[in-house]
Amino acid sequence: MKSLVKITKLFLGVVVALLVVGMTTTSFASSHYKYRVTRTAFDKVSVGSNNGNGGTSLKQLEKDFGSPKLKSSRTVDNVRATMLVYSGVDNDKNAAAIVELINNKVIYKELTGYQYSL
């Protein structure tokens, strides 16, 4: 359990740093990257248990959202975790969807920079 907390903290720190640098130096938008994530679709992503059971699979994410803008993997205490960042939620270049996977299943998800409208 402590290793999962370490991994999550490590990834969140990396994500924040990359997002700050990415948004201040260059836009997430590029001519080769296509925005495919919608808020509605992201809300349907299931978060599983600490070992990934019950979480949406990497295969399903790639099918629904395509290739992520950023993919990073780390191993801490023999646990391999992967972080994916999809930019352009609802075609907003400043919004990103972040998912963390263990055993190729989602264990964490977050939206950042997304402007909710009522």
N, C-alpha and C. Protein backbone atom coordinates (compact mmCIF):
# COMPACT_ATOMS: atom_id res chain seq x y z
N MET A 1 0.82 -1.19 0.00
CA MET A 1 0.00 0.00 0.00
C MET A 1 0.86 1.25 0.00
N LYS A 2 1.97 1.23 0.79
CA LYS A 2 2.86 2.38 0.82
C LYS A 2 3.50 2.63 -0.54
N SER A 3 3.80 1.54 -1.27
CA SER A 3 4.40 1.70 -2.59
C SER A 3 3.41 2.37 -3.55
N LEU A 4 2.13 2.06 -3.43
CA LEU A 4 1.13 2.69 -4.29
C LEU A 4 1.04 4.17 -4.00
N VAL A 5 1.10 4.54 -2.74
CA VAL A 5 1.07 5.95 -2.36
C VAL A 5 2.30 6.66 -2.91
N LYS A 6 3.47 6.01 -2.83
CA LYS A 6 4.71 6.59 -3.37
C LYS A 6 4.58 6.81 -4.88
N ILE A 7 4.06 5.81 -5.57
CA ILE A 7 3.90 5.90 -7.02
C ILE A 7 2.96 7.04 -7.38
N THR A 8 1.83 7.11 -6.70
CA THR A 8 0.84 8.15 -6.99
C THR A 8 1.43 9.54 -6.74
N LYS A 9 2.13 9.72 -5.63
CA LYS A 9 2.74 11.02 -5.35
C LYS A 9 3.80 11.36 -6.40
N LEU A 10 4.59 10.38 -6.78
CA LEU A 10 5.61 10.60 -7.80
C LEU A 10 4.98 11.02 -9.11
N PHE A 11 3.96 10.31 -9.54
CA PHE A 11 3.30 10.65 -10.80
C PHE A 11 2.64 12.01 -10.76
N LEU A 12 1.96 12.31 -9.66
CA LEU A 12 1.31 13.61 -9.57
C LEU A 12 2.32 14.75 -9.63
N GLY A 13 3.45 14.57 -8.98
CA GLY A 13 4.50 15.58 -9.05
C GLY A 13 5.02 15.76 -10.47
N VAL A 14 5.24 14.65 -11.16
CA VAL A 14 5.71 14.70 -12.54
C VAL A 14 4.67 15.35 -13.44
N VAL A 15 3.40 14.98 -13.25
CA VAL A 15 2.33 15.54 -14.08
C VAL A 15 2.24 17.05 -13.89
N VAL A 16 2.23 17.50 -12.66
CA VAL A 16 2.13 18.93 -12.41
C VAL A 16 3.30 19.66 -13.05
N ALA A 17 4.50 19.14 -12.88
CA ALA A 17 5.67 19.78 -13.47
C ALA A 17 5.58 19.82 -14.99
N LEU A 18 5.19 18.72 -15.60
CA LEU A 18 5.08 18.68 -17.05
C LEU A 18 3.97 19.59 -17.57
N LEU A 19 2.86 19.63 -16.87
CA LEU A 19 1.77 20.50 -17.31
C LEU A 19 2.15 21.97 -17.20
N VAL A 20 2.80 22.35 -16.12
CA VAL A 20 3.23 23.74 -15.96
C VAL A 20 4.22 24.12 -17.05
N VAL A 21 5.22 23.28 -17.26
CA VAL A 21 6.21 23.56 -18.29
C VAL A 21 5.57 23.55 -19.67
N GLY A 22 4.74 22.54 -19.92
CA GLY A 22 4.10 22.42 -21.23
C GLY A 22 3.18 23.58 -21.55
N MET A 23 2.45 24.06 -20.57
CA MET A 23 1.50 25.13 -20.83
C MET A 23 2.17 26.49 -20.89
N THR A 24 3.33 26.62 -20.28
CA THR A 24 3.99 27.92 -20.31
C THR A 24 4.95 28.06 -21.48
N THR A 25 5.45 26.93 -22.00
CA THR A 25 6.41 27.04 -23.10
C THR A 25 5.81 26.70 -24.46
N THR A 26 4.94 25.71 -24.47
CA THR A 26 4.31 25.33 -25.73
C THR A 26 2.89 24.89 -25.44
N SER A 27 2.08 24.95 -26.44
CA SER A 27 0.70 24.48 -26.30
C SER A 27 0.67 22.97 -26.43
N PHE A 28 -0.32 22.32 -25.79
CA PHE A 28 -0.49 20.89 -25.98
C PHE A 28 -0.86 20.59 -27.43
N ALA A 29 -1.44 21.56 -28.10
CA ALA A 29 -1.90 21.35 -29.47
C ALA A 29 -0.71 21.18 -30.40
N SER A 30 -0.79 20.22 -31.27
CA SER A 30 0.20 20.06 -32.33
C SER A 30 -0.53 19.57 -33.56
N SER A 31 0.12 19.67 -34.67
CA SER A 31 -0.53 19.29 -35.92
C SER A 31 -0.75 17.78 -36.00
N HIS A 32 -0.04 16.99 -35.18
CA HIS A 32 -0.16 15.54 -35.25
C HIS A 32 -1.03 14.95 -34.16
N TYR A 33 -1.41 15.73 -33.19
CA TYR A 33 -2.18 15.21 -32.07
C TYR A 33 -3.64 15.58 -32.25
N LYS A 34 -4.52 14.62 -32.07
CA LYS A 34 -5.96 14.87 -32.23
C LYS A 34 -6.65 14.76 -30.89
N TYR A 35 -7.46 15.75 -30.57
CA TYR A 35 -8.24 15.72 -29.34
C TYR A 35 -9.38 14.73 -29.50
N ARG A 36 -9.44 13.73 -28.62
CA ARG A 36 -10.50 12.73 -28.73
C ARG A 36 -11.23 12.52 -27.42
N VAL A 37 -10.79 13.17 -26.35
CA VAL A 37 -11.40 12.95 -25.05
C VAL A 37 -12.53 13.94 -24.82
N THR A 38 -13.68 13.42 -24.46
CA THR A 38 -14.79 14.29 -24.05
C THR A 38 -15.03 14.06 -22.57
N ARG A 39 -15.61 15.05 -21.93
CA ARG A 39 -15.91 14.92 -20.50
C ARG A 39 -16.85 13.74 -20.26
N THR A 40 -17.82 13.58 -21.12
CA THR A 40 -18.79 12.49 -20.98
C THR A 40 -18.09 11.13 -21.05
N ALA A 41 -17.20 10.96 -22.02
CA ALA A 41 -16.48 9.70 -22.17
C ALA A 41 -15.52 9.47 -21.00
N PHE A 42 -14.85 10.53 -20.55
CA PHE A 42 -13.91 10.40 -19.44
C PHE A 42 -14.63 10.01 -18.14
N ASP A 43 -15.83 10.54 -17.95
CA ASP A 43 -16.61 10.19 -16.76
C ASP A 43 -16.93 8.69 -16.72
N LYS A 44 -16.95 8.04 -17.87
CA LYS A 44 -17.27 6.61 -17.95
C LYS A 44 -16.08 5.72 -17.65
N VAL A 45 -14.88 6.28 -17.58
CA VAL A 45 -13.70 5.49 -17.25
C VAL A 45 -13.83 5.00 -15.81
N SER A 46 -13.70 3.69 -15.63
CA SER A 46 -13.84 3.09 -14.30
C SER A 46 -12.50 3.04 -13.58
N VAL A 47 -12.52 3.40 -12.31
CA VAL A 47 -11.33 3.32 -11.47
C VAL A 47 -11.41 2.02 -10.68
N GLY A 48 -10.36 1.20 -10.79
CA GLY A 48 -10.34 -0.08 -10.11
C GLY A 48 -9.70 -0.02 -8.74
N SER A 49 -9.49 -1.17 -8.17
CA SER A 49 -8.83 -1.30 -6.87
C SER A 49 -7.34 -1.00 -7.01
N ASN A 50 -6.60 -1.09 -5.92
CA ASN A 50 -5.17 -0.79 -5.93
C ASN A 50 -4.36 -1.64 -6.89
N ASN A 51 -4.85 -2.83 -7.22
CA ASN A 51 -4.14 -3.68 -8.17
C ASN A 51 -4.76 -3.62 -9.57
N GLY A 52 -5.74 -2.74 -9.75
CA GLY A 52 -6.34 -2.54 -11.06
C GLY A 52 -7.63 -3.28 -11.30
N ASN A 53 -7.98 -4.23 -10.45
CA ASN A 53 -9.21 -4.99 -10.66
C ASN A 53 -10.42 -4.07 -10.75
N GLY A 54 -11.17 -4.22 -11.83
CA GLY A 54 -12.38 -3.44 -12.04
C GLY A 54 -12.16 -2.14 -12.79
N GLY A 55 -10.90 -1.80 -13.06
CA GLY A 55 -10.61 -0.57 -13.78
C GLY A 55 -10.67 -0.75 -15.28
N THR A 56 -10.93 0.35 -15.97
CA THR A 56 -10.93 0.34 -17.43
C THR A 56 -9.54 -0.09 -17.92
N SER A 57 -9.49 -0.89 -18.96
CA SER A 57 -8.22 -1.41 -19.47
C SER A 57 -7.51 -0.39 -20.37
N LEU A 58 -6.21 -0.55 -20.46
CA LEU A 58 -5.40 0.27 -21.36
C LEU A 58 -5.90 0.11 -22.79
N LYS A 59 -6.23 -1.09 -23.17
CA LYS A 59 -6.73 -1.36 -24.52
C LYS A 59 -8.00 -0.54 -24.80
N GLN A 60 -8.91 -0.49 -23.83
CA GLN A 60 -10.15 0.27 -24.00
C GLN A 60 -9.86 1.77 -24.08
N LEU A 61 -8.95 2.27 -23.25
CA LEU A 61 -8.58 3.69 -23.30
C LEU A 61 -8.04 4.05 -24.68
N GLU A 62 -7.15 3.22 -25.20
CA GLU A 62 -6.57 3.48 -26.52
C GLU A 62 -7.64 3.43 -27.61
N LYS A 63 -8.59 2.53 -27.45
CA LYS A 63 -9.69 2.44 -28.42
C LYS A 63 -10.56 3.70 -28.38
N ASP A 64 -10.90 4.15 -27.16
CA ASP A 64 -11.78 5.29 -27.00
C ASP A 64 -11.10 6.63 -27.26
N PHE A 65 -9.85 6.77 -26.80
CA PHE A 65 -9.19 8.08 -26.82
C PHE A 65 -7.98 8.17 -27.74
N GLY A 66 -7.55 7.06 -28.30
CA GLY A 66 -6.37 7.09 -29.16
C GLY A 66 -5.09 7.11 -28.33
N SER A 67 -4.03 7.56 -28.95
CA SER A 67 -2.74 7.63 -28.26
C SER A 67 -2.70 8.84 -27.33
N PRO A 68 -2.13 8.68 -26.16
CA PRO A 68 -2.03 9.82 -25.24
C PRO A 68 -0.97 10.81 -25.70
N LYS A 69 -1.07 12.02 -25.23
CA LYS A 69 -0.07 13.04 -25.52
C LYS A 69 1.23 12.71 -24.79
N LEU A 70 1.10 12.10 -23.62
CA LEU A 70 2.26 11.74 -22.80
C LEU A 70 2.01 10.38 -22.18
N LYS A 71 3.04 9.54 -22.19
CA LYS A 71 2.97 8.23 -21.54
C LYS A 71 4.27 8.03 -20.77
N SER A 72 4.14 7.68 -19.50
CA SER A 72 5.31 7.49 -18.66
C SER A 72 5.09 6.30 -17.75
N SER A 73 6.14 5.48 -17.58
CA SER A 73 6.05 4.32 -16.70
C SER A 73 7.16 4.38 -15.67
N ARG A 74 6.85 3.91 -14.47
CA ARG A 74 7.81 3.87 -13.37
C ARG A 74 7.58 2.58 -12.58
N THR A 75 8.67 2.08 -11.99
CA THR A 75 8.57 0.94 -11.10
C THR A 75 9.07 1.36 -9.72
N VAL A 76 8.23 1.17 -8.72
CA VAL A 76 8.58 1.47 -7.33
C VAL A 76 8.20 0.25 -6.50
N ASP A 77 9.15 -0.27 -5.74
CA ASP A 77 8.92 -1.45 -4.91
C ASP A 77 8.30 -2.60 -5.71
N ASN A 78 8.87 -2.83 -6.90
CA ASN A 78 8.44 -3.92 -7.79
C ASN A 78 7.01 -3.77 -8.30
N VAL A 79 6.45 -2.58 -8.23
CA VAL A 79 5.13 -2.32 -8.78
C VAL A 79 5.31 -1.38 -9.97
N ARG A 80 4.88 -1.81 -11.14
CA ARG A 80 5.01 -1.00 -12.35
C ARG A 80 3.71 -0.24 -12.57
N ALA A 81 3.84 1.06 -12.69
CA ALA A 81 2.68 1.92 -12.92
C ALA A 81 2.91 2.73 -14.19
N THR A 82 1.84 3.01 -14.88
CA THR A 82 1.91 3.80 -16.11
C THR A 82 0.97 4.98 -15.98
N MET A 83 1.44 6.13 -16.40
CA MET A 83 0.61 7.34 -16.40
C MET A 83 0.40 7.77 -17.84
N LEU A 84 -0.84 8.11 -18.16
CA LEU A 84 -1.19 8.62 -19.48
C LEU A 84 -1.81 9.99 -19.31
N VAL A 85 -1.44 10.91 -20.20
CA VAL A 85 -2.03 12.24 -20.20
C VAL A 85 -2.61 12.48 -21.58
N TYR A 86 -3.91 12.75 -21.60
CA TYR A 86 -4.61 13.11 -22.83
C TYR A 86 -4.95 14.58 -22.74
N SER A 87 -4.53 15.36 -23.72
CA SER A 87 -4.84 16.79 -23.68
C SER A 87 -6.04 17.09 -24.55
N GLY A 88 -6.59 18.27 -24.32
CA GLY A 88 -7.68 18.74 -25.16
C GLY A 88 -9.04 18.17 -24.82
N VAL A 89 -9.35 18.03 -23.54
CA VAL A 89 -10.67 17.53 -23.16
C VAL A 89 -11.74 18.49 -23.67
N ASP A 90 -12.72 17.97 -24.36
CA ASP A 90 -13.77 18.77 -25.01
C ASP A 90 -13.16 19.87 -25.88
N ASN A 91 -12.06 19.53 -26.56
CA ASN A 91 -11.34 20.43 -27.48
C ASN A 91 -10.77 21.68 -26.82
N ASP A 92 -10.60 21.66 -25.51
CA ASP A 92 -9.96 22.78 -24.79
C ASP A 92 -8.49 22.42 -24.63
N LYS A 93 -7.61 23.13 -25.32
CA LYS A 93 -6.18 22.79 -25.30
C LYS A 93 -5.56 22.91 -23.92
N ASN A 94 -6.19 23.60 -23.00
CA ASN A 94 -5.65 23.76 -21.65
C ASN A 94 -6.15 22.70 -20.67
N ALA A 95 -7.05 21.85 -21.11
CA ALA A 95 -7.61 20.82 -20.23
C ALA A 95 -6.94 19.47 -20.55
N ALA A 96 -6.68 18.71 -19.51
CA ALA A 96 -6.05 17.40 -19.70
C ALA A 96 -6.73 16.35 -18.83
N ALA A 97 -6.76 15.15 -19.35
CA ALA A 97 -7.26 13.99 -18.61
C ALA A 97 -6.06 13.12 -18.27
N ILE A 98 -5.93 12.78 -16.99
CA ILE A 98 -4.79 12.01 -16.52
C ILE A 98 -5.31 10.70 -15.94
N VAL A 99 -4.68 9.60 -16.35
CA VAL A 99 -5.03 8.31 -15.77
C VAL A 99 -3.74 7.60 -15.35
N GLU A 100 -3.84 6.85 -14.27
CA GLU A 100 -2.73 6.03 -13.81
C GLU A 100 -3.19 4.58 -13.83
N LEU A 101 -2.31 3.71 -14.31
CA LEU A 101 -2.66 2.30 -14.46
C LEU A 101 -1.67 1.41 -13.73
N ILE A 102 -2.20 0.34 -13.16
CA ILE A 102 -1.41 -0.76 -12.61
C ILE A 102 -1.97 -2.01 -13.28
N ASN A 103 -1.10 -2.89 -13.74
CA ASN A 103 -1.54 -4.10 -14.46
C ASN A 103 -2.43 -3.74 -15.65
N ASN A 104 -2.11 -2.62 -16.31
CA ASN A 104 -2.85 -2.14 -17.49
C ASN A 104 -4.32 -1.87 -17.22
N LYS A 105 -4.64 -1.52 -15.97
CA LYS A 105 -6.00 -1.15 -15.58
C LYS A 105 -5.96 0.15 -14.79
N VAL A 106 -6.96 1.00 -14.98
CA VAL A 106 -7.00 2.31 -14.34
C VAL A 106 -7.20 2.16 -12.83
N ILE A 107 -6.32 2.85 -12.08
CA ILE A 107 -6.47 2.91 -10.62
C ILE A 107 -6.70 4.35 -10.14
N TYR A 108 -6.55 5.33 -11.05
CA TYR A 108 -6.68 6.74 -10.68
C TYR A 108 -7.00 7.53 -11.94
N LYS A 109 -7.86 8.53 -11.80
CA LYS A 109 -8.14 9.42 -12.93
C LYS A 109 -8.39 10.82 -12.40
N GLU A 110 -8.07 11.81 -13.24
CA GLU A 110 -8.22 13.21 -12.84
C GLU A 110 -8.33 14.09 -14.08
N LEU A 111 -9.12 15.15 -13.97
CA LEU A 111 -9.16 16.19 -14.99
C LEU A 111 -8.42 17.40 -14.41
N THR A 112 -7.63 18.05 -15.23
CA THR A 112 -6.95 19.26 -14.79
C THR A 112 -7.13 20.33 -15.85
N GLY A 113 -7.31 21.56 -15.39
CA GLY A 113 -7.49 22.67 -16.32
C GLY A 113 -8.84 22.70 -17.00
N TYR A 114 -9.75 21.85 -16.56
CA TYR A 114 -11.07 21.76 -17.20
C TYR A 114 -12.00 22.79 -16.59
N GLN A 115 -12.68 23.53 -17.43
CA GLN A 115 -13.63 24.55 -16.97
C GLN A 115 -15.03 23.96 -16.99
N TYR A 116 -15.56 23.73 -15.80
CA TYR A 116 -16.92 23.20 -15.68
C TYR A 116 -17.92 24.31 -15.99
N SER A 117 -18.96 23.97 -16.71
CA SER A 117 -20.02 24.94 -16.96
C SER A 117 -21.30 24.40 -16.36
N LEU A 118 -22.06 25.30 -15.77
CA LEU A 118 -23.29 24.89 -15.11
C LEU A 118 -24.49 25.11 -16.01
